[in-house]
């Protein structure tokens, strides 16, 4: 949860959510290229209205906190969000989605690095992923990593959609 002080904290799920699962992944530093950190979260909300509210809050957080503290050493800044609820830019599986971009910094290092966040909603389920791309990667590599994170959210959303359809039968 993002606090009023713009610091992310681990807190129990709100009453509007039934379950949440987060997995973290790391592509280790190698050959002068910094690590890539990816976090993927799936949240099942009580109903579609709660999931839509969660999406709206997520969109507003970048406005409220354009600089956010992720943990004891990392922060993001210059955040901007874009929602593609009813446009051609929207993922074909999701009911709505948003993208947030900015820069992340590690305390003690002045190098600003790319930060991307993608979030999709399918009915009462939200799927979100962040990508923090380490130093030493050229623009082509950075774009490829960002696209891979976005694809991962899409694949996860597609699996949620497939499982929901199977369960509905």
N, C-alpha and C. Protein backbone atom coordinates (compact mmCIF):
# COMPACT_ATOMS: atom_id res chain seq x y z
N UNK A 1 0.85 -1.18 0.00
CA UNK A 1 0.00 0.00 0.00
C UNK A 1 0.90 1.24 0.00
N UNK A 2 0.49 2.24 -0.78
CA UNK A 2 1.22 3.50 -0.82
C UNK A 2 0.64 4.43 0.24
N UNK A 3 1.47 4.78 1.24
CA UNK A 3 1.01 5.62 2.33
C UNK A 3 0.86 7.08 1.91
N UNK A 4 0.25 7.85 2.79
CA UNK A 4 0.09 9.29 2.55
C UNK A 4 1.44 9.98 2.41
N UNK A 5 2.49 9.37 2.98
CA UNK A 5 3.84 9.92 2.90
C UNK A 5 4.59 9.47 1.65
N UNK A 6 3.90 8.79 0.74
CA UNK A 6 4.45 8.31 -0.53
C UNK A 6 5.50 7.22 -0.35
N UNK A 7 5.38 6.45 0.72
CA UNK A 7 6.26 5.31 0.99
C UNK A 7 5.41 4.04 0.88
N UNK A 8 5.93 3.07 0.11
CA UNK A 8 5.23 1.78 -0.03
C UNK A 8 5.49 0.94 1.21
N UNK A 9 4.42 0.28 1.69
CA UNK A 9 4.51 -0.58 2.86
C UNK A 9 3.72 -1.87 2.61
N UNK A 10 4.17 -2.92 3.27
CA UNK A 10 3.40 -4.16 3.25
C UNK A 10 2.31 -4.04 4.29
N UNK A 11 1.08 -4.24 3.88
CA UNK A 11 -0.06 -4.19 4.78
C UNK A 11 -1.01 -5.32 4.42
N UNK A 12 -1.88 -5.70 5.34
CA UNK A 12 -2.87 -6.72 5.01
C UNK A 12 -3.76 -6.24 3.85
N UNK A 13 -4.30 -7.20 3.14
CA UNK A 13 -5.21 -6.85 2.04
C UNK A 13 -6.39 -6.05 2.58
N UNK A 14 -6.87 -5.10 1.81
CA UNK A 14 -8.07 -4.37 2.24
C UNK A 14 -9.29 -5.30 2.21
N UNK A 15 -10.35 -4.91 2.88
CA UNK A 15 -11.58 -5.72 2.91
C UNK A 15 -12.18 -5.93 1.53
N UNK A 16 -11.82 -5.09 0.57
CA UNK A 16 -12.36 -5.21 -0.78
C UNK A 16 -11.64 -6.25 -1.62
N UNK A 17 -10.59 -6.87 -1.07
CA UNK A 17 -9.83 -7.89 -1.80
C UNK A 17 -9.96 -9.23 -1.12
N UNK A 18 -10.08 -10.28 -1.91
CA UNK A 18 -10.18 -11.64 -1.38
C UNK A 18 -8.82 -12.30 -1.25
N UNK A 19 -7.91 -12.04 -2.21
CA UNK A 19 -6.60 -12.69 -2.20
C UNK A 19 -5.64 -11.90 -3.07
N UNK A 20 -4.37 -12.04 -2.75
CA UNK A 20 -3.33 -11.43 -3.55
C UNK A 20 -2.07 -12.28 -3.51
N UNK A 21 -1.35 -12.29 -4.60
CA UNK A 21 -0.12 -13.07 -4.69
C UNK A 21 0.91 -12.25 -5.45
N UNK A 22 2.10 -12.11 -4.88
CA UNK A 22 3.19 -11.39 -5.53
C UNK A 22 4.38 -12.31 -5.68
N UNK A 23 4.99 -12.25 -6.84
CA UNK A 23 6.23 -12.98 -7.10
C UNK A 23 7.25 -12.00 -7.63
N UNK A 24 8.49 -12.16 -7.18
CA UNK A 24 9.57 -11.28 -7.60
C UNK A 24 10.60 -12.09 -8.38
N UNK A 25 11.15 -11.45 -9.41
CA UNK A 25 12.11 -12.10 -10.29
C UNK A 25 13.31 -11.17 -10.47
N UNK A 26 14.47 -11.76 -10.71
CA UNK A 26 15.67 -10.97 -10.94
C UNK A 26 16.49 -11.57 -12.06
N UNK A 27 16.86 -10.73 -13.02
CA UNK A 27 17.86 -11.08 -14.02
C UNK A 27 19.16 -10.50 -13.46
N UNK A 28 20.08 -11.36 -13.01
CA UNK A 28 21.27 -10.86 -12.31
C UNK A 28 22.14 -9.96 -13.19
N UNK A 29 22.92 -9.12 -12.53
CA UNK A 29 23.91 -8.30 -13.23
C UNK A 29 24.88 -9.23 -13.95
N UNK A 30 25.30 -8.81 -15.15
CA UNK A 30 26.21 -9.65 -15.92
C UNK A 30 26.89 -8.80 -16.99
N UNK A 31 28.19 -8.95 -17.13
CA UNK A 31 28.91 -8.29 -18.20
C UNK A 31 28.79 -6.77 -18.19
N UNK A 32 28.82 -6.17 -17.02
CA UNK A 32 28.73 -4.72 -16.93
C UNK A 32 27.33 -4.18 -17.00
N UNK A 33 26.35 -5.07 -17.06
CA UNK A 33 24.95 -4.65 -17.10
C UNK A 33 24.32 -4.92 -15.75
N UNK A 34 23.63 -3.91 -15.22
CA UNK A 34 23.00 -4.04 -13.92
C UNK A 34 21.84 -5.01 -13.95
N UNK A 35 21.39 -5.42 -12.78
CA UNK A 35 20.28 -6.38 -12.71
C UNK A 35 18.95 -5.76 -13.16
N UNK A 36 18.04 -6.63 -13.54
CA UNK A 36 16.67 -6.24 -13.85
C UNK A 36 15.80 -6.88 -12.79
N UNK A 37 14.95 -6.07 -12.15
CA UNK A 37 14.03 -6.57 -11.13
C UNK A 37 12.61 -6.47 -11.65
N UNK A 38 11.88 -7.57 -11.55
CA UNK A 38 10.49 -7.61 -11.98
C UNK A 38 9.66 -8.13 -10.82
N UNK A 39 8.54 -7.49 -10.58
CA UNK A 39 7.59 -7.93 -9.55
C UNK A 39 6.23 -8.07 -10.22
N UNK A 40 5.57 -9.20 -10.01
CA UNK A 40 4.25 -9.46 -10.60
C UNK A 40 3.26 -9.75 -9.48
N UNK A 41 2.13 -9.03 -9.49
CA UNK A 41 1.10 -9.20 -8.45
C UNK A 41 -0.25 -9.46 -9.10
N UNK A 42 -0.93 -10.48 -8.61
CA UNK A 42 -2.31 -10.77 -9.03
C UNK A 42 -3.19 -10.59 -7.79
N UNK A 43 -4.26 -9.79 -7.93
CA UNK A 43 -5.17 -9.54 -6.82
C UNK A 43 -6.59 -9.88 -7.26
N UNK A 44 -7.28 -10.66 -6.43
CA UNK A 44 -8.69 -10.98 -6.67
C UNK A 44 -9.51 -10.10 -5.72
N UNK A 45 -10.31 -9.23 -6.31
CA UNK A 45 -11.14 -8.31 -5.53
C UNK A 45 -12.52 -8.95 -5.29
N UNK A 46 -13.25 -8.42 -4.34
CA UNK A 46 -14.58 -8.96 -4.01
C UNK A 46 -15.54 -8.88 -5.19
N UNK A 47 -15.39 -7.83 -5.99
CA UNK A 47 -16.27 -7.67 -7.16
C UNK A 47 -15.59 -6.73 -8.16
N UNK A 48 -16.21 -6.58 -9.30
CA UNK A 48 -15.65 -5.75 -10.35
C UNK A 48 -15.55 -4.29 -9.93
N UNK A 49 -16.52 -3.82 -9.17
CA UNK A 49 -16.48 -2.42 -8.71
C UNK A 49 -15.24 -2.17 -7.87
N UNK A 50 -14.90 -3.09 -6.97
CA UNK A 50 -13.71 -2.94 -6.14
C UNK A 50 -12.44 -2.93 -7.00
N UNK A 51 -12.40 -3.78 -8.01
CA UNK A 51 -11.24 -3.82 -8.91
C UNK A 51 -11.13 -2.53 -9.71
N UNK A 52 -12.27 -1.99 -10.16
CA UNK A 52 -12.25 -0.72 -10.90
C UNK A 52 -11.77 0.41 -9.99
N UNK A 53 -12.19 0.40 -8.74
CA UNK A 53 -11.72 1.42 -7.80
C UNK A 53 -10.22 1.31 -7.59
N UNK A 54 -9.73 0.07 -7.49
CA UNK A 54 -8.29 -0.15 -7.34
C UNK A 54 -7.53 0.42 -8.53
N UNK A 55 -8.05 0.22 -9.72
CA UNK A 55 -7.42 0.79 -10.92
C UNK A 55 -7.41 2.32 -10.86
N UNK A 56 -8.52 2.90 -10.44
CA UNK A 56 -8.61 4.36 -10.35
C UNK A 56 -7.61 4.91 -9.33
N UNK A 57 -7.52 4.24 -8.18
CA UNK A 57 -6.57 4.67 -7.15
C UNK A 57 -5.14 4.58 -7.70
N UNK A 58 -4.85 3.50 -8.40
CA UNK A 58 -3.51 3.34 -8.97
C UNK A 58 -3.18 4.47 -9.93
N UNK A 59 -4.13 4.85 -10.74
CA UNK A 59 -3.94 5.94 -11.70
C UNK A 59 -3.68 7.26 -10.98
N UNK A 60 -4.39 7.47 -9.88
CA UNK A 60 -4.25 8.72 -9.13
C UNK A 60 -2.97 8.80 -8.31
N UNK A 61 -2.38 7.64 -7.96
CA UNK A 61 -1.20 7.65 -7.10
C UNK A 61 -0.01 8.37 -7.72
N UNK A 62 0.15 8.26 -9.03
CA UNK A 62 1.26 8.96 -9.68
C UNK A 62 1.07 10.47 -9.62
N UNK A 63 -0.18 10.91 -9.63
CA UNK A 63 -0.46 12.35 -9.49
C UNK A 63 -0.19 12.82 -8.06
N UNK A 64 -0.63 12.01 -7.11
CA UNK A 64 -0.47 12.36 -5.70
C UNK A 64 0.98 12.25 -5.26
N UNK A 65 1.68 11.23 -5.76
CA UNK A 65 3.06 10.96 -5.34
C UNK A 65 3.94 10.74 -6.57
N UNK A 66 4.35 11.80 -7.27
CA UNK A 66 5.21 11.59 -8.44
C UNK A 66 6.59 11.07 -8.06
N UNK A 67 6.93 11.16 -6.77
CA UNK A 67 8.13 10.50 -6.25
C UNK A 67 7.69 9.58 -5.13
N UNK A 68 8.11 8.31 -5.21
CA UNK A 68 7.69 7.30 -4.24
C UNK A 68 8.90 6.52 -3.74
N UNK A 69 8.88 6.18 -2.47
CA UNK A 69 9.92 5.35 -1.87
C UNK A 69 9.45 3.91 -1.96
N UNK A 70 10.21 3.05 -2.68
CA UNK A 70 9.82 1.65 -2.86
C UNK A 70 10.23 0.78 -1.68
N UNK A 71 11.40 1.07 -1.15
CA UNK A 71 11.93 0.30 -0.02
C UNK A 71 13.00 1.14 0.66
N UNK A 72 13.84 0.53 1.47
CA UNK A 72 14.83 1.29 2.25
C UNK A 72 15.86 1.98 1.36
N UNK A 73 16.10 1.48 0.15
CA UNK A 73 17.16 2.05 -0.68
C UNK A 73 16.71 2.56 -2.04
N UNK A 74 15.52 2.20 -2.49
CA UNK A 74 15.09 2.53 -3.85
C UNK A 74 13.90 3.48 -3.85
N UNK A 75 13.89 4.39 -4.83
CA UNK A 75 12.75 5.28 -5.01
C UNK A 75 12.52 5.48 -6.49
N UNK A 76 11.32 5.90 -6.83
CA UNK A 76 10.98 6.23 -8.21
C UNK A 76 10.55 7.69 -8.24
N UNK A 77 10.77 8.33 -9.37
CA UNK A 77 10.41 9.74 -9.51
C UNK A 77 9.96 10.01 -10.95
N UNK A 78 9.36 11.17 -11.13
CA UNK A 78 8.92 11.58 -12.46
C UNK A 78 7.85 10.66 -13.02
N UNK A 79 7.02 10.11 -12.15
CA UNK A 79 6.01 9.15 -12.59
C UNK A 79 4.90 9.83 -13.38
N UNK A 80 4.48 9.16 -14.41
CA UNK A 80 3.28 9.58 -15.13
C UNK A 80 2.51 8.33 -15.52
N UNK A 81 1.20 8.44 -15.53
CA UNK A 81 0.33 7.30 -15.82
C UNK A 81 -0.49 7.57 -17.07
N UNK A 82 -0.86 6.48 -17.71
CA UNK A 82 -1.74 6.56 -18.86
C UNK A 82 -2.70 5.37 -18.79
N UNK A 83 -3.98 5.65 -18.93
CA UNK A 83 -4.99 4.59 -18.94
C UNK A 83 -5.53 4.45 -20.36
N UNK A 84 -5.74 3.22 -20.78
CA UNK A 84 -6.25 2.94 -22.13
C UNK A 84 -7.56 2.17 -22.05
N UNK A 85 -8.48 2.65 -21.24
CA UNK A 85 -9.70 1.88 -21.00
C UNK A 85 -10.50 1.61 -22.27
N UNK A 86 -10.69 2.61 -23.11
CA UNK A 86 -11.57 2.43 -24.27
C UNK A 86 -10.89 2.74 -25.60
N UNK A 87 -9.57 2.60 -25.68
CA UNK A 87 -8.87 2.95 -26.92
C UNK A 87 -8.25 1.71 -27.55
N UNK A 88 -7.71 1.90 -28.73
CA UNK A 88 -7.03 0.81 -29.42
C UNK A 88 -5.75 0.40 -28.71
N UNK A 89 -5.23 1.26 -27.82
CA UNK A 89 -4.02 0.93 -27.08
C UNK A 89 -4.26 -0.09 -25.98
N UNK A 90 -5.53 -0.36 -25.67
CA UNK A 90 -5.87 -1.28 -24.59
C UNK A 90 -5.58 -2.72 -25.00
N UNK A 91 -5.11 -3.51 -24.05
CA UNK A 91 -4.91 -4.93 -24.28
C UNK A 91 -6.24 -5.56 -24.63
N UNK A 92 -6.26 -6.46 -25.60
CA UNK A 92 -7.52 -7.03 -26.08
C UNK A 92 -8.19 -7.95 -25.07
N UNK A 93 -7.47 -8.46 -24.09
CA UNK A 93 -8.06 -9.35 -23.10
C UNK A 93 -8.62 -8.56 -21.92
N UNK A 94 -7.92 -7.52 -21.52
CA UNK A 94 -8.28 -6.79 -20.30
C UNK A 94 -9.50 -5.90 -20.51
N UNK A 95 -10.23 -5.70 -19.42
CA UNK A 95 -11.35 -4.75 -19.43
C UNK A 95 -10.83 -3.32 -19.40
N UNK A 96 -9.74 -3.09 -18.71
CA UNK A 96 -9.02 -1.83 -18.78
C UNK A 96 -7.60 -2.04 -18.30
N UNK A 97 -6.75 -1.12 -18.66
CA UNK A 97 -5.35 -1.24 -18.27
C UNK A 97 -4.72 0.13 -18.13
N UNK A 98 -3.60 0.15 -17.42
CA UNK A 98 -2.85 1.39 -17.31
C UNK A 98 -1.36 1.09 -17.34
N UNK A 99 -0.63 2.11 -17.70
CA UNK A 99 0.83 2.04 -17.78
C UNK A 99 1.38 3.23 -17.01
N UNK A 100 2.42 2.99 -16.26
CA UNK A 100 3.07 4.06 -15.51
C UNK A 100 4.56 3.96 -15.79
N UNK A 101 5.18 5.10 -16.04
CA UNK A 101 6.62 5.13 -16.32
C UNK A 101 7.27 6.23 -15.52
N UNK A 102 8.55 6.08 -15.34
CA UNK A 102 9.34 7.07 -14.64
C UNK A 102 10.77 6.58 -14.52
N UNK A 103 11.45 7.06 -13.50
CA UNK A 103 12.83 6.68 -13.26
C UNK A 103 12.96 6.14 -11.85
N UNK A 104 13.87 5.17 -11.68
CA UNK A 104 14.14 4.74 -10.31
C UNK A 104 15.59 5.01 -9.99
N UNK A 105 15.81 5.30 -8.73
CA UNK A 105 17.14 5.61 -8.24
C UNK A 105 17.42 4.79 -7.00
N UNK A 106 18.67 4.42 -6.85
CA UNK A 106 19.13 3.73 -5.65
C UNK A 106 19.90 4.76 -4.83
N UNK A 107 19.61 4.82 -3.53
CA UNK A 107 20.30 5.78 -2.66
C UNK A 107 21.81 5.67 -2.84
N UNK A 108 22.48 6.83 -2.92
CA UNK A 108 23.93 6.86 -3.06
C UNK A 108 24.40 6.79 -4.50
N UNK A 109 23.48 6.62 -5.45
CA UNK A 109 23.82 6.56 -6.87
C UNK A 109 22.94 7.58 -7.60
N UNK A 110 23.56 8.50 -8.31
CA UNK A 110 22.82 9.55 -9.01
C UNK A 110 22.28 9.12 -10.37
N UNK A 111 22.56 7.89 -10.79
CA UNK A 111 22.11 7.43 -12.09
C UNK A 111 20.63 7.09 -12.06
N UNK A 112 19.86 7.79 -12.87
CA UNK A 112 18.42 7.50 -12.99
C UNK A 112 18.24 6.37 -14.00
N UNK A 113 17.48 5.37 -13.63
CA UNK A 113 17.27 4.18 -14.46
C UNK A 113 15.79 4.05 -14.80
N UNK A 114 15.46 3.35 -15.90
CA UNK A 114 14.06 3.22 -16.32
C UNK A 114 13.21 2.41 -15.33
N UNK A 115 11.99 2.85 -15.17
CA UNK A 115 10.99 2.17 -14.32
C UNK A 115 9.68 2.12 -15.10
N UNK A 116 9.10 0.93 -15.19
CA UNK A 116 7.81 0.76 -15.86
C UNK A 116 6.89 -0.05 -14.96
N UNK A 117 5.60 0.26 -15.07
CA UNK A 117 4.58 -0.47 -14.31
C UNK A 117 3.38 -0.64 -15.21
N UNK A 118 2.88 -1.85 -15.27
CA UNK A 118 1.74 -2.19 -16.11
C UNK A 118 0.68 -2.83 -15.23
N UNK A 119 -0.59 -2.48 -15.46
CA UNK A 119 -1.66 -3.07 -14.66
C UNK A 119 -2.89 -3.30 -15.53
N UNK A 120 -3.40 -4.52 -15.50
CA UNK A 120 -4.59 -4.90 -16.27
C UNK A 120 -5.69 -5.32 -15.31
N UNK A 121 -6.92 -5.11 -15.75
CA UNK A 121 -8.08 -5.58 -14.96
C UNK A 121 -8.93 -6.45 -15.85
N UNK A 122 -9.30 -7.61 -15.30
CA UNK A 122 -10.24 -8.53 -15.95
C UNK A 122 -11.33 -8.78 -14.93
N UNK A 123 -12.48 -8.13 -15.10
CA UNK A 123 -13.54 -8.27 -14.11
C UNK A 123 -13.02 -7.90 -12.73
N UNK A 124 -13.10 -8.83 -11.76
CA UNK A 124 -12.66 -8.52 -10.40
C UNK A 124 -11.17 -8.80 -10.13
N UNK A 125 -10.41 -9.14 -11.16
CA UNK A 125 -9.00 -9.51 -10.99
C UNK A 125 -8.10 -8.43 -11.60
N UNK A 126 -7.07 -8.03 -10.84
CA UNK A 126 -6.05 -7.14 -11.39
C UNK A 126 -4.72 -7.88 -11.45
N UNK A 127 -3.97 -7.60 -12.51
CA UNK A 127 -2.64 -8.17 -12.71
C UNK A 127 -1.70 -6.99 -12.94
N UNK A 128 -0.66 -6.89 -12.12
CA UNK A 128 0.26 -5.76 -12.23
C UNK A 128 1.70 -6.25 -12.19
N UNK A 129 2.57 -5.54 -12.91
CA UNK A 129 4.00 -5.86 -12.88
C UNK A 129 4.81 -4.58 -12.96
N UNK A 130 5.92 -4.58 -12.24
CA UNK A 130 6.88 -3.50 -12.33
C UNK A 130 8.17 -4.04 -12.92
N UNK A 131 8.88 -3.18 -13.62
CA UNK A 131 10.19 -3.53 -14.14
C UNK A 131 11.18 -2.42 -13.82
N UNK A 132 12.24 -2.77 -13.12
CA UNK A 132 13.32 -1.82 -12.82
C UNK A 132 14.55 -2.32 -13.56
N UNK A 133 15.01 -1.53 -14.51
CA UNK A 133 16.05 -1.96 -15.44
C UNK A 133 17.39 -1.38 -15.02
N UNK A 134 18.37 -2.26 -14.80
CA UNK A 134 19.67 -1.85 -14.31
C UNK A 134 20.50 -1.07 -15.32
N UNK A 135 21.53 -0.42 -14.81
CA UNK A 135 22.42 0.41 -15.63
C UNK A 135 23.22 -0.46 -16.61
N UNK A 136 23.72 0.19 -17.65
CA UNK A 136 24.60 -0.48 -18.60
C UNK A 136 23.89 -1.10 -19.78
N UNK A 137 22.58 -0.94 -19.85
CA UNK A 137 21.82 -1.48 -20.98
C UNK A 137 21.54 -0.35 -21.95
N UNK A 138 21.71 -0.64 -23.24
CA UNK A 138 21.44 0.39 -24.24
C UNK A 138 19.93 0.55 -24.43
N UNK A 139 19.54 1.52 -25.23
CA UNK A 139 18.12 1.82 -25.40
C UNK A 139 17.35 0.64 -25.99
N UNK A 140 17.96 -0.09 -26.90
CA UNK A 140 17.30 -1.25 -27.51
C UNK A 140 17.04 -2.34 -26.45
N UNK A 141 18.02 -2.60 -25.60
CA UNK A 141 17.85 -3.59 -24.54
C UNK A 141 16.81 -3.14 -23.52
N UNK A 142 16.85 -1.86 -23.17
CA UNK A 142 15.89 -1.32 -22.21
C UNK A 142 14.47 -1.45 -22.74
N UNK A 143 14.29 -1.12 -24.01
CA UNK A 143 12.97 -1.25 -24.64
C UNK A 143 12.53 -2.70 -24.67
N UNK A 144 13.44 -3.61 -24.99
CA UNK A 144 13.11 -5.04 -25.03
C UNK A 144 12.68 -5.56 -23.67
N UNK A 145 13.40 -5.15 -22.61
CA UNK A 145 13.03 -5.59 -21.26
C UNK A 145 11.65 -5.06 -20.90
N UNK A 146 11.41 -3.79 -21.17
CA UNK A 146 10.11 -3.19 -20.87
C UNK A 146 8.99 -3.91 -21.62
N UNK A 147 9.22 -4.20 -22.88
CA UNK A 147 8.22 -4.92 -23.67
C UNK A 147 7.99 -6.32 -23.13
N UNK A 148 9.05 -6.98 -22.67
CA UNK A 148 8.90 -8.32 -22.10
C UNK A 148 8.07 -8.29 -20.82
N UNK A 149 8.27 -7.27 -19.98
CA UNK A 149 7.46 -7.14 -18.76
C UNK A 149 5.99 -6.95 -19.15
N UNK A 150 5.74 -6.08 -20.13
CA UNK A 150 4.36 -5.85 -20.58
C UNK A 150 3.76 -7.14 -21.15
N UNK A 151 4.54 -7.89 -21.92
CA UNK A 151 4.05 -9.17 -22.45
C UNK A 151 3.73 -10.14 -21.32
N UNK A 152 4.58 -10.16 -20.30
CA UNK A 152 4.34 -11.05 -19.16
C UNK A 152 3.02 -10.75 -18.47
N UNK A 153 2.70 -9.47 -18.32
CA UNK A 153 1.41 -9.10 -17.73
C UNK A 153 0.29 -9.57 -18.66
N UNK A 154 0.47 -9.38 -19.96
CA UNK A 154 -0.54 -9.84 -20.92
C UNK A 154 -0.73 -11.35 -20.88
N UNK A 155 0.37 -12.10 -20.81
CA UNK A 155 0.26 -13.57 -20.74
C UNK A 155 -0.43 -14.01 -19.45
N UNK A 156 -0.09 -13.35 -18.35
CA UNK A 156 -0.73 -13.68 -17.07
C UNK A 156 -2.22 -13.36 -17.13
N UNK A 157 -2.56 -12.20 -17.69
CA UNK A 157 -3.97 -11.82 -17.83
C UNK A 157 -4.70 -12.82 -18.73
N UNK A 158 -4.06 -13.26 -19.79
CA UNK A 158 -4.68 -14.25 -20.68
C UNK A 158 -4.94 -15.56 -19.95
N UNK A 159 -4.02 -15.95 -19.08
CA UNK A 159 -4.21 -17.18 -18.31
C UNK A 159 -5.34 -17.02 -17.30
N UNK A 160 -5.42 -15.85 -16.66
CA UNK A 160 -6.55 -15.58 -15.75
C UNK A 160 -7.86 -15.67 -16.52
N UNK A 161 -7.90 -15.10 -17.71
CA UNK A 161 -9.09 -15.12 -18.55
C UNK A 161 -9.44 -16.57 -18.93
N UNK A 162 -8.44 -17.36 -19.32
CA UNK A 162 -8.69 -18.75 -19.70
C UNK A 162 -9.24 -19.55 -18.52
N UNK A 163 -8.62 -19.39 -17.35
CA UNK A 163 -9.08 -20.11 -16.17
C UNK A 163 -10.49 -19.70 -15.77
N UNK A 164 -10.80 -18.41 -15.89
CA UNK A 164 -12.15 -17.93 -15.57
C UNK A 164 -13.17 -18.56 -16.51
N UNK A 165 -12.85 -18.65 -17.76
CA UNK A 165 -13.78 -19.25 -18.74
C UNK A 165 -13.97 -20.73 -18.47
N UNK A 166 -12.89 -21.43 -18.09
CA UNK A 166 -13.00 -22.85 -17.75
C UNK A 166 -13.86 -23.04 -16.51
N UNK A 167 -13.70 -22.16 -15.54
CA UNK A 167 -14.46 -22.26 -14.30
C UNK A 167 -15.92 -21.92 -14.49
N UNK A 168 -16.22 -21.16 -15.52
CA UNK A 168 -17.60 -20.74 -15.78
C UNK A 168 -18.41 -21.84 -16.44
N UNK A 169 -17.75 -22.85 -16.95
CA UNK A 169 -18.48 -23.92 -17.66
C UNK A 169 -19.14 -24.89 -16.72
